[in-house]
C-alpha cells in the first residue's frame, strides 16, 4: 500500500510531465474538485436505495473513478496551498467533535447550531 506522500509525489510527477501546473491554480483545482464531486452525485440522482446498491455492485469502478478524481484535485489543491491534507482532516475532526458532542447528537442528523 502506498503512503499518502508517495501517491502525492506520483500525482506531482504526472502533472509536471504534462506541464499542467499552469492550469492548476487554486480556483481551478477547487472548481475541478467540485465538478468531480457533482459527477459522483449524478450517479445517485433519481435512484432508489435499491437501484444504488445494484449500480454499485455492477459498476463499482465508475464510483471509484469519480471518488479518485475528486480526491486527486483536493490533494493537489491542499499541497499547492501548503496544507497538510492529513492534519487538515485531523484538525477538522477535532472541531467537529466539539460541535457535535456524542451525548447531544448520537443518532441525529441535526446541524450543530440546532442541537
PDB file of N, CA and C in Angstrom:
ATOM      1  N   UNK A   1       0.839  -1.184   0.000  1.00  0.00           N
ATOM      2  CA  UNK A   1       0.000   0.000   0.000  1.00  0.00           C
ATOM      3  C   UNK A   1       0.885   1.249   0.000  1.00  0.00           C
ATOM      4  N   UNK A   2       0.572   2.159  -0.883  1.00  0.00           N
ATOM      5  CA  UNK A   2       1.337   3.401  -0.976  1.00  0.00           C
ATOM      6  C   UNK A   2       0.950   4.348   0.156  1.00  0.00           C
ATOM      7  N   UNK A   3       1.927   5.136   0.572  1.00  0.00           N
ATOM      8  CA  UNK A   3       1.614   6.166   1.558  1.00  0.00           C
ATOM      9  C   UNK A   3       1.033   7.377   0.830  1.00  0.00           C
ATOM     10  N   UNK A   4       0.445   8.265   1.594  1.00  0.00           N
ATOM     11  CA  UNK A   4      -0.115   9.493   1.032  1.00  0.00           C
ATOM     12  C   UNK A   4       0.954  10.267   0.273  1.00  0.00           C
ATOM     13  N   UNK A   5       2.122  10.415   0.868  1.00  0.00           N
ATOM     14  CA  UNK A   5       3.180  11.219   0.245  1.00  0.00           C
ATOM     15  C   UNK A   5       3.728  10.563  -1.023  1.00  0.00           C
ATOM     16  N   UNK A   6       3.764   9.242  -1.058  1.00  0.00           N
ATOM     17  CA  UNK A   6       4.180   8.558  -2.288  1.00  0.00           C
ATOM     18  C   UNK A   6       3.166   8.812  -3.407  1.00  0.00           C
ATOM     19  N   UNK A   7       1.896   8.747  -3.053  1.00  0.00           N
ATOM     20  CA  UNK A   7       0.844   8.992  -4.033  1.00  0.00           C
ATOM     21  C   UNK A   7       0.867  10.446  -4.506  1.00  0.00           C
ATOM     22  N   UNK A   8       1.048  11.377  -3.574  1.00  0.00           N
ATOM     23  CA  UNK A   8       1.127  12.789  -3.928  1.00  0.00           C
ATOM     24  C   UNK A   8       2.301  13.039  -4.869  1.00  0.00           C
ATOM     25  N   UNK A   9       3.446  12.430  -4.582  1.00  0.00           N
ATOM     26  CA  UNK A   9       4.616  12.587  -5.450  1.00  0.00           C
ATOM     27  C   UNK A   9       4.315  12.077  -6.859  1.00  0.00           C
ATOM     28  N   UNK A  10       3.622  10.948  -6.948  1.00  0.00           N
ATOM     29  CA  UNK A  10       3.225  10.406  -8.240  1.00  0.00           C
ATOM     30  C   UNK A  10       2.315  11.379  -8.993  1.00  0.00           C
ATOM     31  N   UNK A  11       1.379  11.981  -8.281  1.00  0.00           N
ATOM     32  CA  UNK A  11       0.480  12.968  -8.891  1.00  0.00           C
ATOM     33  C   UNK A  11       1.253  14.185  -9.388  1.00  0.00           C
ATOM     34  N   UNK A  12       2.208  14.635  -8.591  1.00  0.00           N
ATOM     35  CA  UNK A  12       3.007  15.802  -8.967  1.00  0.00           C
ATOM     36  C   UNK A  12       3.829  15.516 -10.225  1.00  0.00           C
ATOM     37  N   UNK A  13       4.424  14.342 -10.289  1.00  0.00           N
ATOM     38  CA  UNK A  13       5.208  13.960 -11.472  1.00  0.00           C
ATOM     39  C   UNK A  13       4.298  13.871 -12.692  1.00  0.00           C
ATOM     40  N   UNK A  14       3.145  13.252 -12.535  1.00  0.00           N
ATOM     41  CA  UNK A  14       2.170  13.141 -13.618  1.00  0.00           C
ATOM     42  C   UNK A  14       1.821  14.525 -14.155  1.00  0.00           C
ATOM     43  N   UNK A  15       1.546  15.446 -13.236  1.00  0.00           N
ATOM     44  CA  UNK A  15       1.184  16.811 -13.614  1.00  0.00           C
ATOM     45  C   UNK A  15       2.362  17.533 -14.286  1.00  0.00           C
ATOM     46  N   UNK A  16       3.554  17.394 -13.726  1.00  0.00           N
ATOM     47  CA  UNK A  16       4.735  18.062 -14.287  1.00  0.00           C
ATOM     48  C   UNK A  16       5.069  17.556 -15.682  1.00  0.00           C
ATOM     49  N   UNK A  17       4.975  16.247 -15.884  1.00  0.00           N
ATOM     50  CA  UNK A  17       5.283  15.668 -17.199  1.00  0.00           C
ATOM     51  C   UNK A  17       4.373  16.237 -18.291  1.00  0.00           C
ATOM     52  N   UNK A  18       3.179  16.644 -17.919  1.00  0.00           N
ATOM     53  CA  UNK A  18       2.209  17.168 -18.876  1.00  0.00           C
ATOM     54  C   UNK A  18       2.167  18.695 -18.902  1.00  0.00           C
ATOM     55  N   UNK A  19       2.994  19.307 -18.058  1.00  0.00           N
ATOM     56  CA  UNK A  19       3.041  20.760 -17.949  1.00  0.00           C
ATOM     57  C   UNK A  19       1.659  21.343 -17.636  1.00  0.00           C
ATOM     58  N   UNK A  20       0.978  20.740 -16.672  1.00  0.00           N
ATOM     59  CA  UNK A  20      -0.374  21.163 -16.305  1.00  0.00           C
ATOM     60  C   UNK A  20      -0.402  22.114 -15.118  1.00  0.00           C
ATOM     61  N   UNK A  21       0.765  22.364 -14.512  1.00  0.00           N
ATOM     62  CA  UNK A  21       0.771  23.267 -13.350  1.00  0.00           C
ATOM     63  C   UNK A  21       0.145  24.611 -13.685  1.00  0.00           C
ATOM     64  N   UNK A  22       0.356  25.077 -14.917  1.00  0.00           N
ATOM     65  CA  UNK A  22      -0.162  26.385 -15.320  1.00  0.00           C
ATOM     66  C   UNK A  22      -1.690  26.428 -15.318  1.00  0.00           C
ATOM     67  N   UNK A  23      -2.327  25.265 -15.405  1.00  0.00           N
ATOM     68  CA  UNK A  23      -3.790  25.205 -15.366  1.00  0.00           C
ATOM     69  C   UNK A  23      -4.318  24.970 -13.947  1.00  0.00           C
ATOM     70  N   UNK A  24      -3.445  24.502 -13.083  1.00  0.00           N
ATOM     71  CA  UNK A  24      -3.871  24.074 -11.752  1.00  0.00           C
ATOM     72  C   UNK A  24      -3.716  25.185 -10.718  1.00  0.00           C
ATOM     73  N   UNK A  25      -4.407  26.273 -10.933  1.00  0.00           N
ATOM     74  CA  UNK A  25      -4.453  27.361  -9.950  1.00  0.00           C
ATOM     75  C   UNK A  25      -5.481  26.975  -8.894  1.00  0.00           C
ATOM     76  N   UNK A  26      -5.360  27.513  -7.681  1.00  0.00           N
ATOM     77  CA  UNK A  26      -6.287  27.119  -6.606  1.00  0.00           C
ATOM     78  C   UNK A  26      -7.764  27.197  -6.995  1.00  0.00           C
ATOM     79  N   UNK A  27      -8.156  28.268  -7.657  1.00  0.00           N
ATOM     80  CA  UNK A  27      -9.562  28.403  -8.082  1.00  0.00           C
ATOM     81  C   UNK A  27      -9.967  27.250  -8.987  1.00  0.00           C
ATOM     82  N   UNK A  28      -9.105  26.925  -9.931  1.00  0.00           N
ATOM     83  CA  UNK A  28      -9.423  25.879 -10.892  1.00  0.00           C
ATOM     84  C   UNK A  28      -9.434  24.494 -10.263  1.00  0.00           C
ATOM     85  N   UNK A  29      -8.498  24.246  -9.345  1.00  0.00           N
ATOM     86  CA  UNK A  29      -8.487  22.961  -8.648  1.00  0.00           C
ATOM     87  C   UNK A  29      -9.727  22.803  -7.769  1.00  0.00           C
ATOM     88  N   UNK A  30     -10.130  23.880  -7.107  1.00  0.00           N
ATOM     89  CA  UNK A  30     -11.337  23.827  -6.278  1.00  0.00           C
ATOM     90  C   UNK A  30     -12.565  23.567  -7.148  1.00  0.00           C
ATOM     91  N   UNK A  31     -12.631  24.237  -8.283  1.00  0.00           N
ATOM     92  CA  UNK A  31     -13.752  24.027  -9.195  1.00  0.00           C
ATOM     93  C   UNK A  31     -13.746  22.608  -9.755  1.00  0.00           C
ATOM     94  N   UNK A  32     -12.577  22.115 -10.117  1.00  0.00           N
ATOM     95  CA  UNK A  32     -12.470  20.757 -10.654  1.00  0.00           C
ATOM     96  C   UNK A  32     -12.915  19.728  -9.613  1.00  0.00           C
ATOM     97  N   UNK A  33     -12.513  19.929  -8.354  1.00  0.00           N
ATOM     98  CA  UNK A  33     -12.924  19.008  -7.289  1.00  0.00           C
ATOM     99  C   UNK A  33     -14.444  19.022  -7.132  1.00  0.00           C
ATOM    100  N   UNK A  34     -15.033  20.211  -7.182  1.00  0.00           N
ATOM    101  CA  UNK A  34     -16.489  20.325  -7.048  1.00  0.00           C
ATOM    102  C   UNK A  34     -17.206  19.669  -8.229  1.00  0.00           C
ATOM    103  N   UNK A  35     -16.665  19.837  -9.419  1.00  0.00           N
ATOM    104  CA  UNK A  35     -17.259  19.235 -10.609  1.00  0.00           C
ATOM    105  C   UNK A  35     -17.194  17.715 -10.521  1.00  0.00           C
ATOM    106  N   UNK A  36     -16.049  17.200 -10.104  1.00  0.00           N
ATOM    107  CA  UNK A  36     -15.918  15.749  -9.969  1.00  0.00           C
ATOM    108  C   UNK A  36     -16.855  15.212  -8.881  1.00  0.00           C
ATOM    109  N   UNK A  37     -16.996  15.956  -7.794  1.00  0.00           N
ATOM    110  CA  UNK A  37     -17.935  15.546  -6.744  1.00  0.00           C
ATOM    111  C   UNK A  37     -19.364  15.555  -7.287  1.00  0.00           C
ATOM    112  N   UNK A  38     -19.674  16.518  -8.138  1.00  0.00           N
ATOM    113  CA  UNK A  38     -21.003  16.575  -8.760  1.00  0.00           C
ATOM    114  C   UNK A  38     -21.212  15.375  -9.690  1.00  0.00           C
ATOM    115  N   UNK A  39     -20.174  14.965 -10.383  1.00  0.00           N
ATOM    116  CA  UNK A  39     -20.281  13.787 -11.241  1.00  0.00           C
ATOM    117  C   UNK A  39     -20.563  12.544 -10.403  1.00  0.00           C
ATOM    118  N   UNK A  40     -19.968  12.474  -9.226  1.00  0.00           N
ATOM    119  CA  UNK A  40     -20.253  11.375  -8.305  1.00  0.00           C
ATOM    120  C   UNK A  40     -21.719  11.436  -7.849  1.00  0.00           C
ATOM    121  N   UNK A  41     -22.178  12.620  -7.500  1.00  0.00           N
ATOM    122  CA  UNK A  41     -23.575  12.782  -7.079  1.00  0.00           C
ATOM    123  C   UNK A  41     -24.533  12.392  -8.195  1.00  0.00           C
ATOM    124  N   UNK A  42     -24.153  12.694  -9.423  1.00  0.00           N
ATOM    125  CA  UNK A  42     -25.013  12.371 -10.554  1.00  0.00           C
ATOM    126  C   UNK A  42     -25.292  10.870 -10.641  1.00  0.00           C
ATOM    127  N   UNK A  43     -24.339  10.062 -10.213  1.00  0.00           N
ATOM    128  CA  UNK A  43     -24.524   8.608 -10.226  1.00  0.00           C
ATOM    129  C   UNK A  43     -25.670   8.171  -9.300  1.00  0.00           C
ATOM    130  N   UNK A  44     -25.995   8.993  -8.312  1.00  0.00           N
ATOM    131  CA  UNK A  44     -27.044   8.659  -7.351  1.00  0.00           C
ATOM    132  C   UNK A  44     -28.376   9.336  -7.653  1.00  0.00           C
ATOM    133  N   UNK A  45     -28.347  10.341  -8.517  1.00  0.00           N
ATOM    134  CA  UNK A  45     -29.528  11.158  -8.775  1.00  0.00           C
ATOM    135  C   UNK A  45     -30.694  10.321  -9.282  1.00  0.00           C
ATOM    136  N   UNK A  46     -31.840  10.510  -8.650  1.00  0.00           N
ATOM    137  CA  UNK A  46     -33.114   9.886  -9.002  1.00  0.00           C
ATOM    138  C   UNK A  46     -33.108   8.374  -8.817  1.00  0.00           C
ATOM    139  N   UNK A  47     -32.140   7.851  -8.110  1.00  0.00           N
ATOM    140  CA  UNK A  47     -32.060   6.406  -7.876  1.00  0.00           C
ATOM    141  C   UNK A  47     -32.645   6.064  -6.508  1.00  0.00           C
ATOM    142  N   UNK A  48     -33.326   4.940  -6.434  1.00  0.00           N
ATOM    143  CA  UNK A  48     -33.775   4.446  -5.138  1.00  0.00           C
ATOM    144  C   UNK A  48     -32.575   3.809  -4.442  1.00  0.00           C
ATOM    145  N   UNK A  49     -32.710   3.542  -3.153  1.00  0.00           N
ATOM    146  CA  UNK A  49     -31.620   2.873  -2.418  1.00  0.00           C
ATOM    147  C   UNK A  49     -31.279   1.541  -3.070  1.00  0.00           C
ATOM    148  N   UNK A  50     -32.300   0.815  -3.486  1.00  0.00           N
ATOM    149  CA  UNK A  50     -32.086  -0.488  -4.107  1.00  0.00           C
ATOM    150  C   UNK A  50     -31.358  -0.347  -5.444  1.00  0.00           C
ATOM    151  N   UNK A  51     -31.748   0.649  -6.228  1.00  0.00           N
ATOM    152  CA  UNK A  51     -31.080   0.893  -7.519  1.00  0.00           C
ATOM    153  C   UNK A  51     -29.617   1.279  -7.304  1.00  0.00           C
ATOM    154  N   UNK A  52     -29.355   2.080  -6.292  1.00  0.00           N
ATOM    155  CA  UNK A  52     -27.984   2.476  -5.982  1.00  0.00           C
ATOM    156  C   UNK A  52     -27.156   1.256  -5.600  1.00  0.00           C
ATOM    157  N   UNK A  53     -27.695   0.413  -4.729  1.00  0.00           N
ATOM    158  CA  UNK A  53     -26.969  -0.803  -4.324  1.00  0.00           C
ATOM    159  C   UNK A  53     -26.634  -1.665  -5.536  1.00  0.00           C
ATOM    160  N   UNK A  54     -27.586  -1.813  -6.430  1.00  0.00           N
ATOM    161  CA  UNK A  54     -27.367  -2.629  -7.626  1.00  0.00           C
ATOM    162  C   UNK A  54     -26.323  -1.985  -8.538  1.00  0.00           C
ATOM    163  N   UNK A  55     -26.418  -0.684  -8.698  1.00  0.00           N
ATOM    164  CA  UNK A  55     -25.478   0.037  -9.548  1.00  0.00           C
ATOM    165  C   UNK A  55     -24.051  -0.090  -9.011  1.00  0.00           C
ATOM    166  N   UNK A  56     -23.905  -0.003  -7.696  1.00  0.00           N
ATOM    167  CA  UNK A  56     -22.581  -0.148  -7.085  1.00  0.00           C
ATOM    168  C   UNK A  56     -22.042  -1.551  -7.328  1.00  0.00           C
ATOM    169  N   UNK A  57     -22.908  -2.553  -7.204  1.00  0.00           N
ATOM    170  CA  UNK A  57     -22.480  -3.936  -7.446  1.00  0.00           C
ATOM    171  C   UNK A  57     -22.005  -4.143  -8.878  1.00  0.00           C
ATOM    172  N   UNK A  58     -22.731  -3.566  -9.818  1.00  0.00           N
ATOM    173  CA  UNK A  58     -22.423  -3.826 -11.223  1.00  0.00           C
ATOM    174  C   UNK A  58     -21.356  -2.893 -11.803  1.00  0.00           C
ATOM    175  N   UNK A  59     -21.174  -1.720 -11.215  1.00  0.00           N
ATOM    176  CA  UNK A  59     -20.216  -0.770 -11.781  1.00  0.00           C
ATOM    177  C   UNK A  59     -19.477   0.012 -10.697  1.00  0.00           C
ATOM    178  N   UNK A  60     -18.899  -0.717  -9.770  1.00  0.00           N
ATOM    179  CA  UNK A  60     -18.171  -0.097  -8.668  1.00  0.00           C
ATOM    180  C   UNK A  60     -17.010   0.762  -9.166  1.00  0.00           C
ATOM    181  N   UNK A  61     -16.417   0.355 -10.281  1.00  0.00           N
ATOM    182  CA  UNK A  61     -15.271   1.098 -10.819  1.00  0.00           C
ATOM    183  C   UNK A  61     -15.650   2.532 -11.186  1.00  0.00           C
ATOM    184  N   UNK A  62     -16.860   2.739 -11.680  1.00  0.00           N
ATOM    185  CA  UNK A  62     -17.313   4.089 -12.027  1.00  0.00           C
ATOM    186  C   UNK A  62     -17.312   4.976 -10.785  1.00  0.00           C
ATOM    187  N   UNK A  63     -17.800   4.440  -9.668  1.00  0.00           N
ATOM    188  CA  UNK A  63     -17.812   5.193  -8.413  1.00  0.00           C
ATOM    189  C   UNK A  63     -16.391   5.448  -7.935  1.00  0.00           C
ATOM    190  N   UNK A  64     -15.549   4.422  -8.042  1.00  0.00           N
ATOM    191  CA  UNK A  64     -14.152   4.550  -7.626  1.00  0.00           C
ATOM    192  C   UNK A  64     -13.447   5.635  -8.436  1.00  0.00           C
ATOM    193  N   UNK A  65     -13.719   5.684  -9.727  1.00  0.00           N
ATOM    194  CA  UNK A  65     -13.094   6.692 -10.586  1.00  0.00           C
ATOM    195  C   UNK A  65     -13.505   8.103 -10.182  1.00  0.00           C
ATOM    196  N   UNK A  66     -14.786   8.309  -9.921  1.00  0.00           N
ATOM    197  CA  UNK A  66     -15.266   9.648  -9.546  1.00  0.00           C
ATOM    198  C   UNK A  66     -14.726  10.061  -8.173  1.00  0.00           C
ATOM    199  N   UNK A  67     -14.660   9.117  -7.250  1.00  0.00           N
ATOM    200  CA  UNK A  67     -14.087   9.401  -5.932  1.00  0.00           C
ATOM    201  C   UNK A  67     -12.604   9.751  -6.081  1.00  0.00           C
ATOM    202  N   UNK A  68     -11.892   8.992  -6.897  1.00  0.00           N
ATOM    203  CA  UNK A  68     -10.469   9.246  -7.118  1.00  0.00           C
ATOM    204  C   UNK A  68     -10.247  10.606  -7.771  1.00  0.00           C
ATOM    205  N   UNK A  69     -11.053  10.932  -8.778  1.00  0.00           N
ATOM    206  CA  UNK A  69     -10.911  12.232  -9.433  1.00  0.00           C
ATOM    207  C   UNK A  69     -11.077  13.369  -8.429  1.00  0.00           C
ATOM    208  N   UNK A  70     -12.078  13.260  -7.584  1.00  0.00           N
ATOM    209  CA  UNK A  70     -12.334  14.295  -6.575  1.00  0.00           C
ATOM    210  C   UNK A  70     -11.152  14.396  -5.611  1.00  0.00           C
ATOM    211  N   UNK A  71     -10.695  13.260  -5.123  1.00  0.00           N
ATOM    212  CA  UNK A  71      -9.602  13.233  -4.150  1.00  0.00           C
ATOM    213  C   UNK A  71      -8.305  13.788  -4.749  1.00  0.00           C
ATOM    214  N   UNK A  72      -8.033  13.463  -6.003  1.00  0.00           N
ATOM    215  CA  UNK A  72      -6.808  13.931  -6.660  1.00  0.00           C
ATOM    216  C   UNK A  72      -6.766  15.454  -6.680  1.00  0.00           C
ATOM    217  N   UNK A  73      -7.868  16.080  -7.101  1.00  0.00           N
ATOM    218  CA  UNK A  73      -7.885  17.542  -7.147  1.00  0.00           C
ATOM    219  C   UNK A  73      -7.747  18.146  -5.756  1.00  0.00           C
ATOM    220  N   UNK A  74      -8.344  17.527  -4.758  1.00  0.00           N
ATOM    221  CA  UNK A  74      -8.221  18.035  -3.389  1.00  0.00           C
ATOM    222  C   UNK A  74      -6.800  17.870  -2.864  1.00  0.00           C
ATOM    223  N   UNK A  75      -6.163  16.755  -3.193  1.00  0.00           N
ATOM    224  CA  UNK A  75      -4.774  16.540  -2.775  1.00  0.00           C
ATOM    225  C   UNK A  75      -3.855  17.577  -3.399  1.00  0.00           C
ATOM    226  N   UNK A  76      -4.024  17.819  -4.692  1.00  0.00           N
ATOM    227  CA  UNK A  76      -3.188  18.810  -5.374  1.00  0.00           C
ATOM    228  C   UNK A  76      -3.441  20.209  -4.828  1.00  0.00           C
ATOM    229  N   UNK A  77      -4.694  20.537  -4.597  1.00  0.00           N
ATOM    230  CA  UNK A  77      -5.042  21.846  -4.054  1.00  0.00           C
ATOM    231  C   UNK A  77      -4.422  22.032  -2.673  1.00  0.00           C
ATOM    232  N   UNK A  78      -4.579  21.056  -1.812  1.00  0.00           N
ATOM    233  CA  UNK A  78      -4.010  21.157  -0.466  1.00  0.00           C
ATOM    234  C   UNK A  78      -2.500  21.349  -0.540  1.00  0.00           C
ATOM    235  N   UNK A  79      -1.839  20.564  -1.366  1.00  0.00           N
ATOM    236  CA  UNK A  79      -0.386  20.682  -1.483  1.00  0.00           C
ATOM    237  C   UNK A  79       0.015  22.054  -2.024  1.00  0.00           C
ATOM    238  N   UNK A  80      -0.679  22.511  -3.052  1.00  0.00           N
ATOM    239  CA  UNK A  80      -0.361  23.826  -3.630  1.00  0.00           C
ATOM    240  C   UNK A  80      -0.568  24.954  -2.623  1.00  0.00           C
ATOM    241  N   UNK A  81      -1.513  24.789  -1.702  1.00  0.00           N
ATOM    242  CA  UNK A  81      -1.775  25.816  -0.687  1.00  0.00           C
ATOM    243  C   UNK A  81      -0.911  25.646   0.563  1.00  0.00           C
ATOM    244  N   UNK A  82      -0.062  24.610   0.563  1.00  0.00           N
ATOM    245  CA  UNK A  82       0.794  24.368   1.717  1.00  0.00           C
ATOM    246  C   UNK A  82       0.029  23.806   2.905  1.00  0.00           C
ATOM    247  N   UNK A  83      -1.052  23.089   2.620  1.00  0.00           N
ATOM    248  CA  UNK A  83      -1.881  22.495   3.675  1.00  0.00           C
ATOM    249  C   UNK A  83      -1.602  21.004   3.725  1.00  0.00           C
ATOM    250  N   UNK A  84      -1.275  20.518   4.910  1.00  0.00           N
ATOM    251  CA  UNK A  84      -1.094  19.091   5.106  1.00  0.00           C
ATOM    252  C   UNK A  84      -2.475  18.457   5.144  1.00  0.00           C
ATOM    253  N   UNK A  85      -2.775  17.654   4.154  1.00  0.00           N
ATOM    254  CA  UNK A  85      -4.093  17.049   3.979  1.00  0.00           C
ATOM    255  C   UNK A  85      -4.529  16.281   5.220  1.00  0.00           C
ATOM    256  N   UNK A  86      -3.653  15.431   5.731  1.00  0.00           N
ATOM    257  CA  UNK A  86      -3.990  14.621   6.915  1.00  0.00           C
ATOM    258  C   UNK A  86      -4.210  15.490   8.144  1.00  0.00           C
ATOM    259  N   UNK A  87      -3.333  16.476   8.357  1.00  0.00           N
ATOM    260  CA  UNK A  87      -3.506  17.369   9.507  1.00  0.00           C
ATOM    261  C   UNK A  87      -4.798  18.163   9.400  1.00  0.00           C
ATOM    262  N   UNK A  88      -5.138  18.575   8.196  1.00  0.00           N
ATOM    263  CA  UNK A  88      -6.384  19.326   7.991  1.00  0.00           C
ATOM    264  C   UNK A  88      -7.581  18.469   8.397  1.00  0.00           C
ATOM    265  N   UNK A  89      -7.551  17.203   8.017  1.00  0.00           N
ATOM    266  CA  UNK A  89      -8.650  16.298   8.378  1.00  0.00           C
ATOM    267  C   UNK A  89      -8.686  16.071   9.885  1.00  0.00           C
ATOM    268  N   UNK A  90      -7.532  15.830  10.479  1.00  0.00           N
ATOM    269  CA  UNK A  90      -7.458  15.635  11.936  1.00  0.00           C
ATOM    270  C   UNK A  90      -7.993  16.853  12.684  1.00  0.00           C
ATOM    271  N   UNK A  91      -7.549  18.051  12.269  1.00  0.00           N
ATOM    272  CA  UNK A  91      -7.993  19.284  12.928  1.00  0.00           C
ATOM    273  C   UNK A  91      -9.491  19.491  12.761  1.00  0.00           C
ATOM    274  N   UNK A  92     -10.005  19.198  11.589  1.00  0.00           N
ATOM    275  CA  UNK A  92     -11.447  19.355  11.344  1.00  0.00           C
ATOM    276  C   UNK A  92     -12.244  18.372  12.185  1.00  0.00           C
ATOM    277  N   UNK A  93     -11.733  17.167  12.351  1.00  0.00           N
ATOM    278  CA  UNK A  93     -12.419  16.173  13.189  1.00  0.00           C
ATOM    279  C   UNK A  93     -12.484  16.641  14.643  1.00  0.00           C
ATOM    280  N   UNK A  94     -11.411  17.281  15.121  1.00  0.00           N
ATOM    281  CA  UNK A  94     -11.411  17.818  16.484  1.00  0.00           C
ATOM    282  C   UNK A  94     -12.466  18.912  16.630  1.00  0.00           C
ATOM    283  N   UNK A  95     -12.545  19.798  15.634  1.00  0.00           N
ATOM    284  CA  UNK A  95     -13.558  20.859  15.662  1.00  0.00           C
ATOM    285  C   UNK A  95     -14.963  20.259  15.626  1.00  0.00           C
ATOM    286  N   UNK A  96     -15.152  19.250  14.779  1.00  0.00           N
ATOM    287  CA  UNK A  96     -16.469  18.610  14.687  1.00  0.00           C
ATOM    288  C   UNK A  96     -16.845  17.899  15.980  1.00  0.00           C
ATOM    289  N   UNK A  97     -15.870  17.335  16.667  1.00  0.00           N
ATOM    290  CA  UNK A  97     -16.149  16.666  17.941  1.00  0.00           C
ATOM    291  C   UNK A  97     -16.687  17.671  18.963  1.00  0.00           C
ATOM    292  N   UNK A  98     -16.184  18.900  18.909  1.00  0.00           N
ATOM    293  CA  UNK A  98     -16.681  19.943  19.804  1.00  0.00           C
ATOM    294  C   UNK A  98     -18.080  20.413  19.385  1.00  0.00           C
ATOM    295  N   UNK A  99     -18.304  20.514  18.089  1.00  0.00           N
ATOM    296  CA  UNK A  99     -19.608  20.953  17.586  1.00  0.00           C
ATOM    297  C   UNK A  99     -20.685  19.892  17.773  1.00  0.00           C
ATOM    298  N   UNK A 100     -20.271  18.639  17.675  1.00  0.00           N
ATOM    299  CA  UNK A 100     -21.211  17.521  17.720  1.00  0.00           C
ATOM    300  C   UNK A 100     -20.863  16.543  18.842  1.00  0.00           C
ATOM    301  N   UNK A 101     -21.053  16.959  20.092  1.00  0.00           N
ATOM    302  CA  UNK A 101     -20.766  16.020  21.184  1.00  0.00           C
ATOM    303  C   UNK A 101     -21.712  14.815  21.111  1.00  0.00           C
ATOM    304  N   UNK A 102     -21.167  13.640  21.370  1.00  0.00           N
ATOM    305  CA  UNK A 102     -21.925  12.395  21.249  1.00  0.00           C
ATOM    306  C   UNK A 102     -23.243  12.464  22.005  1.00  0.00           C
ATOM    307  N   UNK A 103     -23.188  12.976  23.224  1.00  0.00           N
ATOM    308  CA  UNK A 103     -24.399  12.983  24.051  1.00  0.00           C
ATOM    309  C   UNK A 103     -25.517  13.864  23.485  1.00  0.00           C
ATOM    310  N   UNK A 104     -25.176  14.796  22.602  1.00  0.00           N
ATOM    311  CA  UNK A 104     -26.205  15.668  22.016  1.00  0.00           C
ATOM    312  C   UNK A 104     -26.659  15.219  20.632  1.00  0.00           C
ATOM    313  N   UNK A 105     -25.807  14.528  19.907  1.00  0.00           N
ATOM    314  CA  UNK A 105     -26.128  14.285  18.504  1.00  0.00           C
ATOM    315  C   UNK A 105     -26.233  12.822  18.095  1.00  0.00           C
ATOM    316  N   UNK A 106     -25.967  11.903  18.979  1.00  0.00           N
ATOM    317  CA  UNK A 106     -25.972  10.486  18.614  1.00  0.00           C
ATOM    318  C   UNK A 106     -27.314  10.098  17.995  1.00  0.00           C
ATOM    319  N   UNK A 107     -27.245   9.569  16.793  1.00  0.00           N
ATOM    320  CA  UNK A 107     -28.440   9.116  16.094  1.00  0.00           C
ATOM    321  C   UNK A 107     -29.261  10.229  15.472  1.00  0.00           C
ATOM    322  N   UNK A 108     -28.737  11.443  15.468  1.00  0.00           N
ATOM    323  CA  UNK A 108     -29.461  12.587  14.910  1.00  0.00           C
ATOM    324  C   UNK A 108     -28.693  13.155  13.722  1.00  0.00           C
ATOM    325  N   UNK A 109     -29.428  13.650  12.752  1.00  0.00           N
ATOM    326  CA  UNK A 109     -28.807  14.306  11.590  1.00  0.00           C
ATOM    327  C   UNK A 109     -29.091  15.803  11.669  1.00  0.00           C
ATOM    328  N   UNK A 110     -28.917  16.361  12.846  1.00  0.00           N
ATOM    329  CA  UNK A 110     -29.229  17.763  13.116  1.00  0.00           C
ATOM    330  C   UNK A 110     -27.955  18.594  13.021  1.00  0.00           C
ATOM    331  N   UNK A 111     -28.046  19.762  12.402  1.00  0.00           N
ATOM    332  CA  UNK A 111     -26.894  20.662  12.344  1.00  0.00           C
ATOM    333  C   UNK A 111     -26.542  21.120  13.752  1.00  0.00           C
ATOM    334  N   UNK A 112     -25.260  21.319  13.987  1.00  0.00           N
ATOM    335  CA  UNK A 112     -24.784  21.669  15.328  1.00  0.00           C
ATOM    336  C   UNK A 112     -25.440  22.907  15.899  1.00  0.00           C
ATOM    337  N   UNK A 113     -25.838  23.835  15.058  1.00  0.00           N
ATOM    338  CA  UNK A 113     -26.471  25.060  15.554  1.00  0.00           C
ATOM    339  C   UNK A 113     -27.877  24.792  16.081  1.00  0.00           C
ATOM    340  N   UNK A 114     -28.431  23.632  15.757  1.00  0.00           N
ATOM    341  CA  UNK A 114     -29.774  23.288  16.198  1.00  0.00           C
ATOM    342  C   UNK A 114     -29.807  22.207  17.280  1.00  0.00           C
ATOM    343  N   UNK A 115     -28.645  21.826  17.785  1.00  0.00           N
ATOM    344  CA  UNK A 115     -28.602  20.790  18.833  1.00  0.00           C
ATOM    345  C   UNK A 115     -29.018  21.353  20.178  1.00  0.00           C
TER     346      UNK A 115
END
